[in-house]
């Protein structure tokens, strides 16, 4: 079995292309040289902790925009679940569908319990050159994430 290297600050962010809640394709490569990207890996749509975290991001989205940054939520929920979550809480950013949790795994946002892979709440900020500049597990403050972005 191939060992996955733990992602750390200073690493090149793994490339990905995922569908959002509307079925549109989002590719990290499209932002290189143009925008910073912040990825919020979260366990589930409509759960209390995830709702609290993503609503806080929603409330600070202008601060992220001022830092030339786009924000994405990512988990294994399907387009329909993500659409309901976005609509209910008026999220101004897309939620990406990570079928099979493959991208979550590349970013170290997976925990295994008895061979069941679950999403590990993680926040990763990537600069315009594709380098990881912030990486925290759990729910870091938006202010701390924003400080890492130039």
N, C-alpha and C. Protein backbone atom coordinates (compact mmCIF):
# COMPACT_ATOMS: atom_id res chain seq x y z
N UNK A 1 0.84 -1.19 0.00
CA UNK A 1 0.00 0.00 0.00
C UNK A 1 0.89 1.25 0.00
N UNK A 2 0.55 2.20 -0.85
CA UNK A 2 1.33 3.43 -0.99
C UNK A 2 1.07 4.35 0.21
N UNK A 3 2.14 4.82 0.83
CA UNK A 3 2.01 5.73 1.96
C UNK A 3 1.79 7.14 1.44
N UNK A 4 0.85 7.84 2.04
CA UNK A 4 0.55 9.22 1.65
C UNK A 4 1.34 10.16 2.55
N UNK A 5 2.13 11.03 1.92
CA UNK A 5 2.92 12.01 2.67
C UNK A 5 1.98 13.06 3.25
N UNK A 6 2.19 13.39 4.51
CA UNK A 6 1.37 14.41 5.17
C UNK A 6 1.66 15.78 4.55
N UNK A 7 0.62 16.48 4.14
CA UNK A 7 0.74 17.81 3.56
C UNK A 7 1.19 18.79 4.64
N UNK A 8 2.06 19.73 4.27
CA UNK A 8 2.51 20.74 5.23
C UNK A 8 2.67 22.10 4.55
N UNK A 9 2.80 23.13 5.36
CA UNK A 9 3.00 24.48 4.84
C UNK A 9 4.29 24.49 4.01
N UNK A 10 4.23 25.13 2.84
CA UNK A 10 5.37 25.20 1.93
C UNK A 10 5.29 24.17 0.81
N UNK A 11 4.40 23.19 0.95
CA UNK A 11 4.22 22.18 -0.11
C UNK A 11 3.41 22.74 -1.27
N UNK A 12 3.59 22.15 -2.44
CA UNK A 12 2.69 22.43 -3.56
C UNK A 12 1.35 21.78 -3.24
N UNK A 13 0.29 22.53 -3.42
CA UNK A 13 -1.05 21.99 -3.16
C UNK A 13 -1.39 20.95 -4.24
N UNK A 14 -1.94 19.80 -3.83
CA UNK A 14 -2.35 18.81 -4.83
C UNK A 14 -3.43 19.38 -5.74
N UNK A 15 -3.27 19.17 -7.02
CA UNK A 15 -4.26 19.65 -7.99
C UNK A 15 -5.53 18.80 -7.92
N UNK A 16 -6.64 19.41 -8.23
CA UNK A 16 -7.91 18.68 -8.26
C UNK A 16 -8.88 19.38 -9.19
N UNK A 17 -9.86 18.62 -9.63
CA UNK A 17 -11.03 19.14 -10.34
C UNK A 17 -12.23 18.44 -9.74
N UNK A 18 -13.17 19.22 -9.22
CA UNK A 18 -14.37 18.67 -8.59
C UNK A 18 -15.59 19.43 -9.08
N UNK A 19 -16.74 18.79 -9.03
CA UNK A 19 -18.02 19.43 -9.35
C UNK A 19 -18.52 20.19 -8.13
N UNK A 20 -19.18 21.32 -8.40
CA UNK A 20 -19.81 22.06 -7.30
C UNK A 20 -21.28 21.68 -7.21
N UNK A 21 -22.01 22.34 -6.32
CA UNK A 21 -23.42 21.99 -6.08
C UNK A 21 -24.31 22.23 -7.29
N UNK A 22 -23.84 22.98 -8.27
CA UNK A 22 -24.62 23.23 -9.49
C UNK A 22 -24.17 22.34 -10.65
N UNK A 23 -23.16 21.50 -10.40
CA UNK A 23 -22.65 20.62 -11.45
C UNK A 23 -21.50 21.22 -12.24
N UNK A 24 -21.10 22.46 -11.91
CA UNK A 24 -19.98 23.09 -12.60
C UNK A 24 -18.65 22.51 -12.14
N UNK A 25 -17.67 22.51 -13.02
CA UNK A 25 -16.36 21.96 -12.70
C UNK A 25 -15.45 23.06 -12.13
N UNK A 26 -14.85 22.78 -10.98
CA UNK A 26 -13.91 23.70 -10.34
C UNK A 26 -12.55 23.01 -10.32
N UNK A 27 -11.55 23.67 -10.92
CA UNK A 27 -10.19 23.12 -10.97
C UNK A 27 -9.24 24.08 -10.27
N UNK A 28 -8.44 23.56 -9.37
CA UNK A 28 -7.47 24.39 -8.67
C UNK A 28 -6.53 25.09 -9.65
N UNK A 29 -6.15 24.39 -10.69
CA UNK A 29 -5.21 24.95 -11.69
C UNK A 29 -5.73 26.26 -12.30
N UNK A 30 -7.05 26.43 -12.36
CA UNK A 30 -7.63 27.64 -12.95
C UNK A 30 -7.33 28.90 -12.14
N UNK A 31 -6.93 28.73 -10.89
CA UNK A 31 -6.68 29.88 -10.01
C UNK A 31 -5.21 30.23 -9.89
N UNK A 32 -4.34 29.36 -10.40
CA UNK A 32 -2.90 29.59 -10.27
C UNK A 32 -2.53 30.90 -10.98
N UNK A 33 -1.79 31.73 -10.27
CA UNK A 33 -1.38 33.02 -10.80
C UNK A 33 -2.46 34.08 -10.76
N UNK A 34 -3.68 33.71 -10.29
CA UNK A 34 -4.80 34.65 -10.31
C UNK A 34 -5.39 34.93 -8.93
N UNK A 35 -5.61 33.88 -8.15
CA UNK A 35 -6.29 34.03 -6.86
C UNK A 35 -5.68 33.10 -5.81
N UNK A 36 -5.76 33.53 -4.55
CA UNK A 36 -5.51 32.62 -3.44
C UNK A 36 -6.76 31.75 -3.30
N UNK A 37 -6.61 30.57 -2.74
CA UNK A 37 -7.72 29.65 -2.56
C UNK A 37 -7.71 29.12 -1.13
N UNK A 38 -8.89 29.14 -0.48
CA UNK A 38 -9.01 28.53 0.84
C UNK A 38 -10.02 27.39 0.75
N UNK A 39 -9.59 26.22 1.20
CA UNK A 39 -10.41 25.02 1.19
C UNK A 39 -10.85 24.69 2.62
N UNK A 40 -12.15 24.56 2.81
CA UNK A 40 -12.71 24.16 4.10
C UNK A 40 -13.24 22.74 3.94
N UNK A 41 -12.49 21.76 4.44
CA UNK A 41 -12.95 20.38 4.44
C UNK A 41 -13.80 20.20 5.70
N UNK A 42 -15.03 19.71 5.52
CA UNK A 42 -15.93 19.58 6.66
C UNK A 42 -16.70 18.27 6.57
N UNK A 43 -17.07 17.69 7.74
CA UNK A 43 -17.67 16.36 7.76
C UNK A 43 -19.05 16.23 7.11
N UNK A 44 -19.96 17.20 7.31
CA UNK A 44 -21.30 16.98 6.77
C UNK A 44 -22.13 18.23 6.62
N UNK A 45 -22.99 18.22 5.59
CA UNK A 45 -23.93 19.31 5.38
C UNK A 45 -24.98 19.29 6.50
N UNK A 46 -25.42 20.47 6.89
CA UNK A 46 -26.51 20.66 7.85
C UNK A 46 -26.19 20.16 9.26
N UNK A 47 -24.93 19.92 9.58
CA UNK A 47 -24.58 19.52 10.94
C UNK A 47 -24.20 20.78 11.73
N UNK A 48 -24.37 20.77 13.05
CA UNK A 48 -24.17 22.00 13.83
C UNK A 48 -22.79 22.64 13.68
N UNK A 49 -21.73 21.88 13.84
CA UNK A 49 -20.38 22.45 13.76
C UNK A 49 -20.05 22.98 12.38
N UNK A 50 -20.44 22.22 11.36
CA UNK A 50 -20.16 22.63 9.98
C UNK A 50 -20.96 23.87 9.61
N UNK A 51 -22.21 23.92 10.06
CA UNK A 51 -23.05 25.09 9.79
C UNK A 51 -22.44 26.32 10.44
N UNK A 52 -22.01 26.19 11.71
CA UNK A 52 -21.41 27.31 12.42
C UNK A 52 -20.14 27.80 11.70
N UNK A 53 -19.28 26.86 11.31
CA UNK A 53 -18.02 27.23 10.65
C UNK A 53 -18.28 27.91 9.31
N UNK A 54 -19.12 27.32 8.47
CA UNK A 54 -19.33 27.88 7.13
C UNK A 54 -20.14 29.17 7.17
N UNK A 55 -21.02 29.33 8.17
CA UNK A 55 -21.72 30.61 8.31
C UNK A 55 -20.75 31.72 8.72
N UNK A 56 -19.76 31.39 9.54
CA UNK A 56 -18.74 32.38 9.91
C UNK A 56 -17.92 32.78 8.68
N UNK A 57 -17.63 31.83 7.81
CA UNK A 57 -16.91 32.13 6.57
C UNK A 57 -17.80 33.02 5.70
N UNK A 58 -19.08 32.66 5.59
CA UNK A 58 -20.03 33.47 4.81
C UNK A 58 -20.02 34.91 5.31
N UNK A 59 -20.04 35.09 6.63
CA UNK A 59 -20.09 36.43 7.20
C UNK A 59 -18.80 37.22 6.97
N UNK A 60 -17.69 36.52 6.73
CA UNK A 60 -16.40 37.17 6.48
C UNK A 60 -15.97 37.11 5.01
N UNK A 61 -16.87 36.72 4.13
CA UNK A 61 -16.47 36.49 2.73
C UNK A 61 -15.88 37.75 2.09
N UNK A 62 -16.34 38.93 2.49
CA UNK A 62 -15.79 40.17 1.95
C UNK A 62 -14.33 40.34 2.34
N UNK A 63 -13.98 39.92 3.56
CA UNK A 63 -12.58 39.99 4.00
C UNK A 63 -11.70 39.06 3.17
N UNK A 64 -12.23 37.89 2.83
CA UNK A 64 -11.49 36.97 1.96
C UNK A 64 -11.34 37.58 0.56
N UNK A 65 -12.41 38.16 0.05
CA UNK A 65 -12.36 38.79 -1.29
C UNK A 65 -11.32 39.91 -1.34
N UNK A 66 -11.23 40.69 -0.28
CA UNK A 66 -10.26 41.79 -0.23
C UNK A 66 -8.83 41.26 -0.26
N UNK A 67 -8.63 40.01 0.13
CA UNK A 67 -7.31 39.38 0.08
C UNK A 67 -7.14 38.60 -1.23
N UNK A 68 -8.01 38.90 -2.21
CA UNK A 68 -7.92 38.26 -3.53
C UNK A 68 -8.02 36.74 -3.42
N UNK A 69 -9.00 36.30 -2.62
CA UNK A 69 -9.12 34.89 -2.26
C UNK A 69 -10.51 34.36 -2.55
N UNK A 70 -10.55 33.14 -3.12
CA UNK A 70 -11.81 32.42 -3.30
C UNK A 70 -11.87 31.32 -2.25
N UNK A 71 -13.09 30.99 -1.85
CA UNK A 71 -13.33 30.02 -0.78
C UNK A 71 -14.18 28.88 -1.33
N UNK A 72 -13.85 27.66 -0.90
CA UNK A 72 -14.64 26.48 -1.26
C UNK A 72 -14.82 25.59 -0.03
N UNK A 73 -16.02 25.07 0.14
CA UNK A 73 -16.26 24.02 1.12
C UNK A 73 -16.16 22.69 0.37
N UNK A 74 -15.63 21.66 1.03
CA UNK A 74 -15.47 20.36 0.36
C UNK A 74 -15.86 19.24 1.32
N UNK A 75 -16.72 18.35 0.83
CA UNK A 75 -16.94 17.07 1.48
C UNK A 75 -17.56 16.10 0.47
N UNK A 76 -17.95 14.95 0.95
CA UNK A 76 -18.44 13.89 0.07
C UNK A 76 -19.94 13.96 -0.20
N UNK A 77 -20.62 14.97 0.34
CA UNK A 77 -22.05 15.11 0.07
C UNK A 77 -22.30 15.31 -1.42
N UNK A 78 -23.50 14.94 -1.86
CA UNK A 78 -23.81 15.06 -3.29
C UNK A 78 -24.30 16.47 -3.64
N UNK A 79 -24.49 16.71 -4.92
CA UNK A 79 -24.89 18.04 -5.40
C UNK A 79 -26.20 18.50 -4.75
N UNK A 80 -27.14 17.59 -4.60
CA UNK A 80 -28.45 17.95 -4.03
C UNK A 80 -28.31 18.38 -2.57
N UNK A 81 -27.56 17.64 -1.79
CA UNK A 81 -27.33 17.98 -0.38
C UNK A 81 -26.62 19.33 -0.26
N UNK A 82 -25.57 19.52 -1.08
CA UNK A 82 -24.83 20.78 -1.07
C UNK A 82 -25.74 21.95 -1.47
N UNK A 83 -26.58 21.74 -2.48
CA UNK A 83 -27.50 22.80 -2.94
C UNK A 83 -28.44 23.24 -1.82
N UNK A 84 -29.00 22.27 -1.10
CA UNK A 84 -29.90 22.61 0.02
C UNK A 84 -29.16 23.40 1.10
N UNK A 85 -27.93 22.98 1.40
CA UNK A 85 -27.11 23.63 2.43
C UNK A 85 -26.79 25.07 2.02
N UNK A 86 -26.38 25.26 0.76
CA UNK A 86 -26.07 26.60 0.24
C UNK A 86 -27.31 27.49 0.30
N UNK A 87 -28.44 26.96 -0.16
CA UNK A 87 -29.67 27.74 -0.21
C UNK A 87 -30.13 28.13 1.20
N UNK A 88 -30.13 27.17 2.12
CA UNK A 88 -30.61 27.43 3.48
C UNK A 88 -29.81 28.51 4.18
N UNK A 89 -28.49 28.53 3.95
CA UNK A 89 -27.62 29.46 4.68
C UNK A 89 -27.04 30.58 3.81
N UNK A 90 -27.49 30.69 2.57
CA UNK A 90 -27.06 31.75 1.65
C UNK A 90 -25.55 31.84 1.53
N UNK A 91 -24.90 30.70 1.34
CA UNK A 91 -23.45 30.72 1.17
C UNK A 91 -23.10 31.33 -0.18
N UNK A 92 -22.22 32.33 -0.20
CA UNK A 92 -21.82 32.97 -1.46
C UNK A 92 -20.62 32.29 -2.10
N UNK A 93 -20.33 31.07 -1.69
CA UNK A 93 -19.20 30.30 -2.23
C UNK A 93 -19.69 28.88 -2.52
N UNK A 94 -19.03 28.21 -3.46
CA UNK A 94 -19.45 26.86 -3.83
C UNK A 94 -19.05 25.80 -2.81
N UNK A 95 -19.84 24.74 -2.78
CA UNK A 95 -19.50 23.54 -2.03
C UNK A 95 -19.17 22.47 -3.05
N UNK A 96 -18.02 21.85 -2.90
CA UNK A 96 -17.53 20.88 -3.88
C UNK A 96 -17.80 19.45 -3.43
N UNK A 97 -18.12 18.62 -4.41
CA UNK A 97 -18.46 17.21 -4.17
C UNK A 97 -17.21 16.35 -4.34
N UNK A 98 -16.77 15.76 -3.25
CA UNK A 98 -15.58 14.91 -3.25
C UNK A 98 -16.01 13.44 -3.17
N UNK A 99 -16.45 12.92 -4.30
CA UNK A 99 -16.89 11.53 -4.38
C UNK A 99 -15.74 10.61 -3.98
N UNK A 100 -16.01 9.70 -3.06
CA UNK A 100 -14.98 8.76 -2.63
C UNK A 100 -13.94 9.37 -1.71
N UNK A 101 -14.09 10.64 -1.38
CA UNK A 101 -13.19 11.36 -0.46
C UNK A 101 -11.73 11.34 -0.93
N UNK A 102 -11.53 11.26 -2.25
CA UNK A 102 -10.17 11.17 -2.79
C UNK A 102 -9.36 12.45 -2.59
N UNK A 103 -9.97 13.60 -2.80
CA UNK A 103 -9.26 14.87 -2.63
C UNK A 103 -9.05 15.14 -1.14
N UNK A 104 -10.04 14.84 -0.34
CA UNK A 104 -9.88 14.98 1.11
C UNK A 104 -8.68 14.18 1.58
N UNK A 105 -8.51 13.00 1.04
CA UNK A 105 -7.37 12.15 1.41
C UNK A 105 -6.04 12.78 0.98
N UNK A 106 -6.00 13.33 -0.25
CA UNK A 106 -4.77 13.98 -0.73
C UNK A 106 -4.35 15.14 0.17
N UNK A 107 -5.34 15.80 0.77
CA UNK A 107 -5.07 16.95 1.62
C UNK A 107 -4.95 16.58 3.11
N UNK A 108 -4.96 15.29 3.40
CA UNK A 108 -4.81 14.84 4.79
C UNK A 108 -6.04 15.09 5.64
N UNK A 109 -7.17 15.30 5.00
CA UNK A 109 -8.41 15.61 5.71
C UNK A 109 -9.27 14.35 5.91
N UNK A 110 -8.62 13.25 6.19
CA UNK A 110 -9.32 11.97 6.40
C UNK A 110 -8.84 11.34 7.69
N UNK A 111 -9.78 10.74 8.39
CA UNK A 111 -9.47 9.88 9.54
C UNK A 111 -10.07 8.52 9.24
N UNK A 112 -9.44 7.50 9.72
CA UNK A 112 -9.99 6.15 9.54
C UNK A 112 -10.42 5.58 10.89
N UNK A 113 -11.66 5.12 10.94
CA UNK A 113 -12.19 4.42 12.09
C UNK A 113 -12.69 3.07 11.60
N UNK A 114 -12.04 2.00 12.04
CA UNK A 114 -12.46 0.65 11.64
C UNK A 114 -12.66 0.55 10.14
N UNK A 115 -11.68 1.00 9.37
CA UNK A 115 -11.71 0.98 7.90
C UNK A 115 -12.76 1.88 7.27
N UNK A 116 -13.36 2.76 8.05
CA UNK A 116 -14.31 3.73 7.49
C UNK A 116 -13.61 5.08 7.47
N UNK A 117 -13.56 5.70 6.29
CA UNK A 117 -12.92 7.00 6.14
C UNK A 117 -13.93 8.10 6.45
N UNK A 118 -13.56 8.97 7.39
CA UNK A 118 -14.41 10.12 7.71
C UNK A 118 -13.61 11.40 7.45
N UNK A 119 -14.32 12.46 7.14
CA UNK A 119 -13.67 13.75 6.88
C UNK A 119 -13.20 14.34 8.21
N UNK A 120 -11.97 14.80 8.19
CA UNK A 120 -11.34 15.46 9.34
C UNK A 120 -11.41 16.96 9.05
N UNK A 121 -12.13 17.69 9.89
CA UNK A 121 -12.30 19.12 9.66
C UNK A 121 -10.92 19.76 9.49
N UNK A 122 -10.69 20.41 8.34
CA UNK A 122 -9.38 20.96 8.00
C UNK A 122 -9.55 22.21 7.16
N UNK A 123 -8.64 23.16 7.35
CA UNK A 123 -8.64 24.38 6.55
C UNK A 123 -7.26 24.53 5.93
N UNK A 124 -7.23 24.66 4.60
CA UNK A 124 -5.97 24.81 3.88
C UNK A 124 -6.06 26.05 3.00
N UNK A 125 -5.09 26.96 3.16
CA UNK A 125 -5.01 28.14 2.30
C UNK A 125 -3.84 27.94 1.34
N UNK A 126 -4.09 28.28 0.08
CA UNK A 126 -3.12 28.10 -1.00
C UNK A 126 -2.91 29.46 -1.65
N UNK A 127 -1.65 29.85 -1.80
CA UNK A 127 -1.39 31.16 -2.42
C UNK A 127 -1.52 31.08 -3.94
N UNK A 128 -1.33 32.21 -4.58
CA UNK A 128 -1.53 32.29 -6.03
C UNK A 128 -0.54 31.43 -6.82
N UNK A 129 0.55 31.05 -6.19
CA UNK A 129 1.53 30.19 -6.86
C UNK A 129 1.27 28.71 -6.61
N UNK A 130 0.21 28.40 -5.86
CA UNK A 130 -0.14 27.00 -5.62
C UNK A 130 0.56 26.38 -4.42
N UNK A 131 1.08 27.23 -3.53
CA UNK A 131 1.80 26.77 -2.34
C UNK A 131 0.89 26.84 -1.11
N UNK A 132 0.92 25.80 -0.28
CA UNK A 132 0.15 25.79 0.96
C UNK A 132 0.78 26.80 1.93
N UNK A 133 -0.02 27.80 2.35
CA UNK A 133 0.48 28.83 3.26
C UNK A 133 -0.20 28.78 4.63
N UNK A 134 -1.24 27.97 4.75
CA UNK A 134 -1.95 27.80 6.02
C UNK A 134 -2.55 26.41 6.03
N UNK A 135 -2.42 25.73 7.16
CA UNK A 135 -2.98 24.39 7.29
C UNK A 135 -3.27 24.12 8.76
N UNK A 136 -4.53 24.02 9.08
CA UNK A 136 -4.94 23.73 10.46
C UNK A 136 -6.08 22.73 10.43
N UNK A 137 -6.05 21.82 11.38
CA UNK A 137 -7.16 20.88 11.58
C UNK A 137 -8.10 21.52 12.59
N UNK A 138 -9.37 21.23 12.50
CA UNK A 138 -10.34 21.81 13.41
C UNK A 138 -10.96 23.07 12.84
N UNK A 139 -11.27 24.03 13.71
CA UNK A 139 -11.94 25.26 13.30
C UNK A 139 -11.11 26.48 13.66
N UNK A 140 -10.07 26.77 12.88
CA UNK A 140 -9.29 27.98 13.17
C UNK A 140 -10.13 29.23 12.92
N UNK A 141 -9.74 30.30 13.58
CA UNK A 141 -10.43 31.58 13.39
C UNK A 141 -10.16 32.10 11.98
N UNK A 142 -11.17 32.71 11.37
CA UNK A 142 -10.99 33.29 10.04
C UNK A 142 -9.87 34.32 10.05
N UNK A 143 -9.73 35.08 11.14
CA UNK A 143 -8.67 36.09 11.22
C UNK A 143 -7.30 35.46 11.06
N UNK A 144 -7.10 34.26 11.64
CA UNK A 144 -5.82 33.57 11.52
C UNK A 144 -5.57 33.11 10.08
N UNK A 145 -6.62 32.66 9.42
CA UNK A 145 -6.49 32.24 8.01
C UNK A 145 -6.13 33.46 7.16
N UNK A 146 -6.85 34.55 7.39
CA UNK A 146 -6.62 35.76 6.60
C UNK A 146 -5.22 36.31 6.77
N UNK A 147 -4.63 36.18 7.96
CA UNK A 147 -3.27 36.66 8.22
C UNK A 147 -2.25 35.94 7.33
N UNK A 148 -2.54 34.70 6.99
CA UNK A 148 -1.61 33.89 6.19
C UNK A 148 -1.64 34.28 4.71
N UNK A 149 -2.67 35.00 4.31
CA UNK A 149 -2.86 35.37 2.90
C UNK A 149 -2.28 36.74 2.61
N UNK A 150 -1.59 36.87 1.46
CA UNK A 150 -1.02 38.17 1.12
C UNK A 150 -1.73 38.76 -0.08
